[in-house]
PDB file of all heavy atoms in Angstrom:
ATOM      1  N   GLU A   1      88.464  57.662 166.988  1.00  0.00           N
ATOM      2  CA  GLU A   1      88.051  57.109 168.275  1.00  0.00           C
ATOM      3  C   GLU A   1      86.534  56.928 168.297  1.00  0.00           C
ATOM      4  O   GLU A   1      86.018  55.949 168.812  1.00  0.00           O
ATOM      5  CB  GLU A   1      88.489  58.044 169.396  1.00  0.00           C
ATOM      6  CG  GLU A   1      88.155  57.554 170.780  1.00  0.00           C
ATOM      7  CD  GLU A   1      88.718  58.484 171.832  1.00  0.00           C
ATOM      8  OE1 GLU A   1      89.954  58.596 171.920  1.00  0.00           O
ATOM      9  OE2 GLU A   1      87.915  59.108 172.559  1.00  0.00           O
ATOM     10  N   LYS A   2      85.828  57.902 167.717  1.00  0.00           N
ATOM     11  CA  LYS A   2      84.366  57.891 167.703  1.00  0.00           C
ATOM     12  C   LYS A   2      83.903  58.607 166.439  1.00  0.00           C
ATOM     13  O   LYS A   2      84.534  59.575 166.008  1.00  0.00           O
ATOM     14  CB  LYS A   2      83.827  58.605 168.943  1.00  0.00           C
ATOM     15  CG  LYS A   2      82.331  58.656 169.047  1.00  0.00           C
ATOM     16  CD  LYS A   2      81.911  59.391 170.311  1.00  0.00           C
ATOM     17  CE  LYS A   2      80.405  59.514 170.358  1.00  0.00           C
ATOM     18  NZ  LYS A   2      79.963  60.347 171.485  1.00  0.00           N
ATOM     19  N   ILE A   3      82.793  58.133 165.844  1.00  0.00           N
ATOM     20  CA  ILE A   3      82.280  58.786 164.644  1.00  0.00           C
ATOM     21  C   ILE A   3      80.764  58.630 164.585  1.00  0.00           C
ATOM     22  O   ILE A   3      80.224  57.588 164.972  1.00  0.00           O
ATOM     23  CB  ILE A   3      82.961  58.252 163.364  1.00  0.00           C
ATOM     24  CG1 ILE A   3      82.642  59.132 162.167  1.00  0.00           C
ATOM     25  CG2 ILE A   3      82.600  56.805 163.126  1.00  0.00           C
ATOM     26  CD1 ILE A   3      83.658  59.060 161.054  1.00  0.00           C
ATOM     27  N   GLU A   4      80.101  59.695 164.151  1.00  0.00           N
ATOM     28  CA  GLU A   4      78.646  59.694 164.016  1.00  0.00           C
ATOM     29  C   GLU A   4      78.271  60.413 162.730  1.00  0.00           C
ATOM     30  O   GLU A   4      78.932  61.379 162.337  1.00  0.00           O
ATOM     31  CB  GLU A   4      77.993  60.416 165.194  1.00  0.00           C
ATOM     32  CG  GLU A   4      78.272  59.779 166.541  1.00  0.00           C
ATOM     33  CD  GLU A   4      77.769  60.630 167.698  1.00  0.00           C
ATOM     34  OE1 GLU A   4      77.777  61.884 167.584  1.00  0.00           O
ATOM     35  OE2 GLU A   4      77.382  60.042 168.718  1.00  0.00           O
ATOM     36  N   ILE A   5      77.202  59.954 162.094  1.00  0.00           N
ATOM     37  CA  ILE A   5      76.679  60.594 160.894  1.00  0.00           C
ATOM     38  C   ILE A   5      75.217  60.920 161.168  1.00  0.00           C
ATOM     39  O   ILE A   5      74.512  60.128 161.800  1.00  0.00           O
ATOM     40  CB  ILE A   5      76.870  59.699 159.642  1.00  0.00           C
ATOM     41  CG1 ILE A   5      76.438  60.432 158.367  1.00  0.00           C
ATOM     42  CG2 ILE A   5      76.191  58.359 159.807  1.00  0.00           C
ATOM     43  CD1 ILE A   5      76.860  59.733 157.070  1.00  0.00           C
ATOM     44  N   ASN A   6      74.759  62.096 160.715  1.00  0.00           N
ATOM     45  CA  ASN A   6      73.413  62.522 161.065  1.00  0.00           C
ATOM     46  C   ASN A   6      72.406  62.366 159.923  1.00  0.00           C
ATOM     47  O   ASN A   6      71.398  63.065 159.884  1.00  0.00           O
ATOM     48  CB  ASN A   6      73.416  63.972 161.565  1.00  0.00           C
ATOM     49  CG  ASN A   6      73.601  64.985 160.447  1.00  0.00           C
ATOM     50  OD1 ASN A   6      73.950  64.631 159.325  1.00  0.00           O
ATOM     51  ND2 ASN A   6      73.360  66.244 160.750  1.00  0.00           N
ATOM     52  N   GLY A   7      72.658  61.458 159.005  1.00  0.00           N
ATOM     53  CA  GLY A   7      71.740  61.237 157.893  1.00  0.00           C
ATOM     54  C   GLY A   7      72.348  60.267 156.907  1.00  0.00           C
ATOM     55  O   GLY A   7      73.288  59.542 157.234  1.00  0.00           O
ATOM     56  N   PRO A   8      71.846  60.267 155.683  1.00  0.00           N
ATOM     57  CA  PRO A   8      72.383  59.360 154.669  1.00  0.00           C
ATOM     58  C   PRO A   8      73.772  59.792 154.207  1.00  0.00           C
ATOM     59  O   PRO A   8      74.157  60.951 154.385  1.00  0.00           O
ATOM     60  CB  PRO A   8      71.371  59.468 153.526  1.00  0.00           C
ATOM     61  CG  PRO A   8      70.811  60.850 153.663  1.00  0.00           C
ATOM     62  CD  PRO A   8      70.766  61.115 155.144  1.00  0.00           C
ATOM     63  N   PHE A   9      74.499  58.879 153.615  1.00  0.00           N
ATOM     64  CA  PHE A   9      75.820  59.197 153.073  1.00  0.00           C
ATOM     65  C   PHE A   9      75.596  59.922 151.752  1.00  0.00           C
ATOM     66  O   PHE A   9      75.601  59.315 150.675  1.00  0.00           O
ATOM     67  CB  PHE A   9      76.635  57.915 152.888  1.00  0.00           C
ATOM     68  CG  PHE A   9      78.077  58.165 152.562  1.00  0.00           C
ATOM     69  CD1 PHE A   9      78.939  58.688 153.508  1.00  0.00           C
ATOM     70  CD2 PHE A   9      78.579  57.884 151.306  1.00  0.00           C
ATOM     71  CE1 PHE A   9      80.273  58.920 153.212  1.00  0.00           C
ATOM     72  CE2 PHE A   9      79.913  58.107 150.991  1.00  0.00           C
ATOM     73  CZ  PHE A   9      80.753  58.626 151.955  1.00  0.00           C
ATOM     74  N   ALA A  10      75.358  61.235 151.857  1.00  0.00           N
ATOM     75  CA  ALA A  10      74.994  62.048 150.694  1.00  0.00           C
ATOM     76  C   ALA A  10      75.376  63.497 150.952  1.00  0.00           C
ATOM     77  O   ALA A  10      75.613  63.902 152.099  1.00  0.00           O
ATOM     78  CB  ALA A  10      73.492  61.948 150.440  1.00  0.00           C
ATOM     79  N   ALA A  11      75.422  64.274 149.888  1.00  0.00           N
ATOM     80  CA  ALA A  11      75.764  65.698 150.006  1.00  0.00           C
ATOM     81  C   ALA A  11      74.844  66.371 151.023  1.00  0.00           C
ATOM     82  O   ALA A  11      73.639  66.131 151.040  1.00  0.00           O
ATOM     83  CB  ALA A  11      75.656  66.375 148.653  1.00  0.00           C
ATOM     84  N   GLY A  12      75.461  67.193 151.871  1.00  0.00           N
ATOM     85  CA  GLY A  12      74.726  67.937 152.876  1.00  0.00           C
ATOM     86  C   GLY A  12      74.714  67.303 154.250  1.00  0.00           C
ATOM     87  O   GLY A  12      74.459  67.968 155.249  1.00  0.00           O
ATOM     88  N   THR A  13      75.015  66.021 154.339  1.00  0.00           N
ATOM     89  CA  THR A  13      75.006  65.310 155.613  1.00  0.00           C
ATOM     90  C   THR A  13      76.264  65.661 156.411  1.00  0.00           C
ATOM     91  O   THR A  13      77.335  65.844 155.845  1.00  0.00           O
ATOM     92  CB  THR A  13      74.922  63.792 155.376  1.00  0.00           C
ATOM     93  OG1 THR A  13      73.695  63.509 154.706  1.00  0.00           O
ATOM     94  CG2 THR A  13      74.965  63.014 156.674  1.00  0.00           C
ATOM     95  N   GLN A  14      76.087  65.751 157.736  1.00  0.00           N
ATOM     96  CA  GLN A  14      77.218  66.058 158.606  1.00  0.00           C
ATOM     97  C   GLN A  14      77.727  64.806 159.302  1.00  0.00           C
ATOM     98  O   GLN A  14      76.954  63.915 159.667  1.00  0.00           O
ATOM     99  CB  GLN A  14      76.833  67.100 159.643  1.00  0.00           C
ATOM    100  CG  GLN A  14      76.594  68.465 159.025  1.00  0.00           C
ATOM    101  CD  GLN A  14      76.364  69.535 160.075  1.00  0.00           C
ATOM    102  OE1 GLN A  14      75.877  69.270 161.158  1.00  0.00           O
ATOM    103  NE2 GLN A  14      76.728  70.759 159.730  1.00  0.00           N
ATOM    104  N   ILE A  15      79.032  64.776 159.482  1.00  0.00           N
ATOM    105  CA  ILE A  15      79.716  63.691 160.192  1.00  0.00           C
ATOM    106  C   ILE A  15      80.504  64.338 161.329  1.00  0.00           C
ATOM    107  O   ILE A  15      81.185  65.339 161.122  1.00  0.00           O
ATOM    108  CB  ILE A  15      80.685  62.937 159.252  1.00  0.00           C
ATOM    109  CG1 ILE A  15      79.922  62.269 158.105  1.00  0.00           C
ATOM    110  CG2 ILE A  15      81.515  61.923 160.035  1.00  0.00           C
ATOM    111  CD1 ILE A  15      80.824  61.715 157.008  1.00  0.00           C
ATOM    112  N   THR A  16      80.400  63.770 162.512  1.00  0.00           N
ATOM    113  CA  THR A  16      81.209  64.213 163.641  1.00  0.00           C
ATOM    114  C   THR A  16      82.231  63.120 163.918  1.00  0.00           C
ATOM    115  O   THR A  16      81.874  62.003 164.276  1.00  0.00           O
ATOM    116  CB  THR A  16      80.344  64.477 164.890  1.00  0.00           C
ATOM    117  OG1 THR A  16      79.321  65.415 164.554  1.00  0.00           O
ATOM    118  CG2 THR A  16      81.185  65.032 166.024  1.00  0.00           C
ATOM    119  N   MET A  17      83.498  63.457 163.707  1.00  0.00           N
ATOM    120  CA  MET A  17      84.589  62.495 163.850  1.00  0.00           C
ATOM    121  C   MET A  17      85.502  62.953 164.988  1.00  0.00           C
ATOM    122  O   MET A  17      85.941  64.099 165.009  1.00  0.00           O
ATOM    123  CB  MET A  17      85.374  62.413 162.540  1.00  0.00           C
ATOM    124  CG  MET A  17      86.508  61.434 162.560  1.00  0.00           C
ATOM    125  SD  MET A  17      87.318  61.278 160.941  1.00  0.00           S
ATOM    126  CE  MET A  17      88.064  62.898 160.767  1.00  0.00           C
ATOM    127  N   THR A  18      85.778  62.042 165.906  1.00  0.00           N
ATOM    128  CA  THR A  18      86.654  62.361 167.028  1.00  0.00           C
ATOM    129  C   THR A  18      87.937  61.539 166.930  1.00  0.00           C
ATOM    130  O   THR A  18      87.898  60.314 167.063  1.00  0.00           O
ATOM    131  CB  THR A  18      85.947  62.070 168.369  1.00  0.00           C
ATOM    132  OG1 THR A  18      84.682  62.748 168.391  1.00  0.00           O
ATOM    133  CG2 THR A  18      86.804  62.528 169.542  1.00  0.00           C
ATOM    134  N   PRO A  19      89.072  62.197 166.664  1.00  0.00           N
ATOM    135  CA  PRO A  19      90.360  61.501 166.673  1.00  0.00           C
ATOM    136  C   PRO A  19      90.746  61.151 168.116  1.00  0.00           C
ATOM    137  O   PRO A  19      90.307  61.815 169.056  1.00  0.00           O
ATOM    138  CB  PRO A  19      91.339  62.530 166.093  1.00  0.00           C
ATOM    139  CG  PRO A  19      90.480  63.563 165.424  1.00  0.00           C
ATOM    140  CD  PRO A  19      89.191  63.574 166.200  1.00  0.00           C
ATOM    141  N   PRO A  20      91.572  60.121 168.311  1.00  0.00           N
ATOM    142  CA  PRO A  20      91.982  59.743 169.670  1.00  0.00           C
ATOM    143  C   PRO A  20      92.609  60.918 170.419  1.00  0.00           C
ATOM    144  O   PRO A  20      93.522  61.564 169.920  1.00  0.00           O
ATOM    145  CB  PRO A  20      93.018  58.634 169.428  1.00  0.00           C
ATOM    146  CG  PRO A  20      92.686  58.094 168.072  1.00  0.00           C
ATOM    147  CD  PRO A  20      92.154  59.265 167.295  1.00  0.00           C
ATOM    148  N   GLY A  21      92.071  61.199 171.600  1.00  0.00           N
ATOM    149  CA  GLY A  21      92.619  62.233 172.462  1.00  0.00           C
ATOM    150  C   GLY A  21      92.456  63.647 171.945  1.00  0.00           C
ATOM    151  O   GLY A  21      93.152  64.560 172.390  1.00  0.00           O
ATOM    152  N   ASP A  22      91.546  63.859 171.005  1.00  0.00           N
ATOM    153  CA  ASP A  22      91.374  65.181 170.404  1.00  0.00           C
ATOM    154  C   ASP A  22      89.913  65.598 170.450  1.00  0.00           C
ATOM    155  O   ASP A  22      89.035  64.814 170.812  1.00  0.00           O
ATOM    156  CB  ASP A  22      91.859  65.152 168.947  1.00  0.00           C
ATOM    157  CG  ASP A  22      92.537  66.449 168.537  1.00  0.00           C
ATOM    158  OD1 ASP A  22      92.268  67.494 169.156  1.00  0.00           O
ATOM    159  OD2 ASP A  22      93.332  66.403 167.583  1.00  0.00           O
ATOM    160  N   ASP A  23      89.652  66.846 170.088  1.00  0.00           N
ATOM    161  CA  ASP A  23      88.290  67.349 170.037  1.00  0.00           C
ATOM    162  C   ASP A  23      87.591  66.837 168.786  1.00  0.00           C
ATOM    163  O   ASP A  23      88.242  66.558 167.768  1.00  0.00           O
ATOM    164  CB  ASP A  23      88.290  68.884 170.011  1.00  0.00           C
ATOM    165  CG  ASP A  23      88.787  69.494 171.312  1.00  0.00           C
ATOM    166  OD1 ASP A  23      88.599  68.860 172.380  1.00  0.00           O
ATOM    167  OD2 ASP A  23      89.362  70.595 171.269  1.00  0.00           O
ATOM    168  N   PRO A  24      86.247  66.734 168.832  1.00  0.00           N
ATOM    169  CA  PRO A  24      85.503  66.308 167.649  1.00  0.00           C
ATOM    170  C   PRO A  24      85.703  67.282 166.478  1.00  0.00           C
ATOM    171  O   PRO A  24      85.859  68.483 166.677  1.00  0.00           O
ATOM    172  CB  PRO A  24      84.050  66.331 168.108  1.00  0.00           C
ATOM    173  CG  PRO A  24      84.099  66.275 169.596  1.00  0.00           C
ATOM    174  CD  PRO A  24      85.381  66.968 169.984  1.00  0.00           C
ATOM    175  N   VAL A  25      85.701  66.728 165.273  1.00  0.00           N
ATOM    176  CA  VAL A  25      85.814  67.504 164.041  1.00  0.00           C
ATOM    177  C   VAL A  25      84.498  67.345 163.294  1.00  0.00           C
ATOM    178  O   VAL A  25      84.030  66.214 163.090  1.00  0.00           O
ATOM    179  CB  VAL A  25      86.976  66.985 163.168  1.00  0.00           C
ATOM    180  CG1 VAL A  25      87.029  67.730 161.845  1.00  0.00           C
ATOM    181  CG2 VAL A  25      88.298  67.094 163.917  1.00  0.00           C
ATOM    182  N   LEU A  26      83.900  68.470 162.910  1.00  0.00           N
ATOM    183  CA  LEU A  26      82.647  68.439 162.166  1.00  0.00           C
ATOM    184  C   LEU A  26      82.957  68.476 160.671  1.00  0.00           C
ATOM    185  O   LEU A  26      83.617  69.402 160.189  1.00  0.00           O
ATOM    186  CB  LEU A  26      81.762  69.623 162.552  1.00  0.00           C
ATOM    187  CG  LEU A  26      80.375  69.647 161.922  1.00  0.00           C
ATOM    188  CD1 LEU A  26      79.562  68.429 162.348  1.00  0.00           C
ATOM    189  CD2 LEU A  26      79.648  70.921 162.308  1.00  0.00           C
TER     190      LEU A  26
END
């Protein structure tokens, strides 16, 4: 449903992914 990345697509970077109707997954 929603997705954010907090840096480059590289080791160590975090992604926050939100499935539809669910809590965000880090």
